[in-house]
Amino acid sequence: MTREALLEEVLRLPQRDRAEVAAEILASLDDSPAEDPAEIEKAWALEIELRARRALAGETSGASWGEVRRRIEGRLAR
C-alpha cells in the first residue's frame, strides 16, 4: 500500500479514530524511553508545591482572571 493510499484510508476514519492513529504515529517518532506515569505525577506535584510556595511568599506576581482570559481569547482568535 502506498503512503497516499494509506492516508486516504486513515482520513476516512471518524475523527476520534484519526486522533488515535495520529497519537500512535507521533509516539512512534519519539526515541526517548517511555516515562513512568507515577514519576510524571510526582514531578507535577513537586512543581505545583514549588509554585504555591512562591505565590504564598509573594515571590511571583499572578495575573488576574480577566488578563488570563484576554490572553487565551487572543490566542484562540489567531
C-alpha atoms as a PDB file:
ATOM      1  CA  MET A   1       0.000   0.000   0.000  1.00  0.00           C
ATOM      2  CA  THR A   2       1.337   3.434  -0.879  1.00  0.00           C
ATOM      3  CA  ARG A   3       1.592   6.293   1.557  1.00  0.00           C
ATOM      4  CA  GLU A   4      -1.105   8.156  -0.364  1.00  0.00           C
ATOM      5  CA  ALA A   5      -3.496   5.193  -0.261  1.00  0.00           C
ATOM      6  CA  LEU A   6      -2.893   4.723   3.445  1.00  0.00           C
ATOM      7  CA  LEU A   7      -3.517   8.414   4.081  1.00  0.00           C
ATOM      8  CA  GLU A   8      -6.793   8.260   2.142  1.00  0.00           C
ATOM      9  CA  GLU A   9      -7.908   5.287   4.251  1.00  0.00           C
ATOM     10  CA  VAL A  10      -6.996   6.981   7.515  1.00  0.00           C
ATOM     11  CA  LEU A  11      -8.754  10.213   6.532  1.00  0.00           C
ATOM     12  CA  ARG A  12     -11.994   8.247   6.054  1.00  0.00           C
ATOM     13  CA  LEU A  13     -11.952   7.184   9.705  1.00  0.00           C
ATOM     14  CA  PRO A  14     -14.066   9.001  12.289  1.00  0.00           C
ATOM     15  CA  GLN A  15     -12.336  11.942  13.962  1.00  0.00           C
ATOM     16  CA  ARG A  16     -11.656  10.082  17.211  1.00  0.00           C
ATOM     17  CA  ASP A  17     -10.019   7.175  15.363  1.00  0.00           C
ATOM     18  CA  ARG A  18      -7.913   9.584  13.298  1.00  0.00           C
ATOM     19  CA  ALA A  19      -6.757  11.273  16.501  1.00  0.00           C
ATOM     20  CA  GLU A  20      -5.762   7.915  17.978  1.00  0.00           C
ATOM     21  CA  VAL A  21      -3.853   6.959  14.824  1.00  0.00           C
ATOM     22  CA  ALA A  22      -2.108  10.343  14.841  1.00  0.00           C
ATOM     23  CA  ALA A  23      -1.147   9.919  18.503  1.00  0.00           C
ATOM     24  CA  GLU A  24       0.279   6.459  17.820  1.00  0.00           C
ATOM     25  CA  ILE A  25       2.297   7.755  14.872  1.00  0.00           C
ATOM     26  CA  LEU A  26       3.654  10.683  16.889  1.00  0.00           C
ATOM     27  CA  ALA A  27       4.545   8.373  19.770  1.00  0.00           C
ATOM     28  CA  SER A  28       6.440   6.140  17.361  1.00  0.00           C
ATOM     29  CA  LEU A  29       8.667   9.092  16.410  1.00  0.00           C
ATOM     30  CA  ASP A  30       9.814   9.641  19.993  1.00  0.00           C
ATOM     31  CA  ASP A  31      13.084   7.794  20.593  1.00  0.00           C
ATOM     32  CA  SER A  32      13.181   8.562  24.304  1.00  0.00           C
ATOM     33  CA  PRO A  33      12.143   5.823  26.713  1.00  0.00           C
ATOM     34  CA  ALA A  34       8.576   5.917  27.991  1.00  0.00           C
ATOM     35  CA  GLU A  35       8.240   7.702  31.301  1.00  0.00           C
ATOM     36  CA  ASP A  36       6.559   6.138  34.292  1.00  0.00           C
ATOM     37  CA  PRO A  37       3.185   7.871  34.885  1.00  0.00           C
ATOM     38  CA  ALA A  38       3.832   7.782  38.648  1.00  0.00           C
ATOM     39  CA  GLU A  39       7.095   9.682  38.135  1.00  0.00           C
ATOM     40  CA  ILE A  40       5.350  12.258  35.968  1.00  0.00           C
ATOM     41  CA  GLU A  41       2.650  12.732  38.606  1.00  0.00           C
ATOM     42  CA  LYS A  42       5.304  13.096  41.319  1.00  0.00           C
ATOM     43  CA  ALA A  43       7.167  15.714  39.265  1.00  0.00           C
ATOM     44  CA  TRP A  44       3.958  17.702  38.718  1.00  0.00           C
ATOM     45  CA  ALA A  45       3.120  17.542  42.427  1.00  0.00           C
ATOM     46  CA  LEU A  46       6.556  18.944  43.253  1.00  0.00           C
ATOM     47  CA  GLU A  47       6.188  21.689  40.645  1.00  0.00           C
ATOM     48  CA  ILE A  48       2.748  22.659  41.963  1.00  0.00           C
ATOM     49  CA  GLU A  49       4.076  22.769  45.522  1.00  0.00           C
ATOM     50  CA  LEU A  50       7.007  24.955  44.443  1.00  0.00           C
ATOM     51  CA  ARG A  51       4.737  27.364  42.590  1.00  0.00           C
ATOM     52  CA  ALA A  52       2.299  27.547  45.500  1.00  0.00           C
ATOM     53  CA  ARG A  53       5.113  28.294  47.965  1.00  0.00           C
ATOM     54  CA  ARG A  54       6.446  31.061  45.710  1.00  0.00           C
ATOM     55  CA  ALA A  55       2.982  32.569  45.310  1.00  0.00           C
ATOM     56  CA  LEU A  56       2.269  32.479  49.046  1.00  0.00           C
ATOM     57  CA  ALA A  57       5.660  34.033  49.786  1.00  0.00           C
ATOM     58  CA  GLY A  58       4.942  36.856  47.341  1.00  0.00           C
ATOM     59  CA  GLU A  59       7.892  35.878  45.157  1.00  0.00           C
ATOM     60  CA  THR A  60       5.804  35.800  41.999  1.00  0.00           C
ATOM     61  CA  SER A  61       3.130  38.052  40.622  1.00  0.00           C
ATOM     62  CA  GLY A  62      -0.005  36.420  39.382  1.00  0.00           C
ATOM     63  CA  ALA A  63      -2.339  37.573  36.680  1.00  0.00           C
ATOM     64  CA  SER A  64      -5.991  38.457  37.078  1.00  0.00           C
ATOM     65  CA  TRP A  65      -8.608  36.191  35.541  1.00  0.00           C
ATOM     66  CA  GLY A  66      -9.512  38.984  33.128  1.00  0.00           C
ATOM     67  CA  GLU A  67      -5.924  39.257  31.915  1.00  0.00           C
ATOM     68  CA  VAL A  68      -5.568  35.496  31.530  1.00  0.00           C
ATOM     69  CA  ARG A  69      -8.887  35.278  29.715  1.00  0.00           C
ATOM     70  CA  ARG A  70      -7.875  38.036  27.273  1.00  0.00           C
ATOM     71  CA  ARG A  71      -4.622  36.193  26.503  1.00  0.00           C
ATOM     72  CA  ILE A  72      -6.451  32.921  25.901  1.00  0.00           C
ATOM     73  CA  GLU A  73      -9.063  34.564  23.691  1.00  0.00           C
ATOM     74  CA  GLY A  74      -6.295  36.310  21.741  1.00  0.00           C
ATOM     75  CA  ARG A  75      -4.555  33.016  21.080  1.00  0.00           C
ATOM     76  CA  LEU A  76      -7.783  31.303  20.069  1.00  0.00           C
ATOM     77  CA  ALA A  77      -8.624  34.127  17.665  1.00  0.00           C
ATOM     78  CA  ARG A  78      -5.469  33.535  15.622  1.00  0.00           C
END
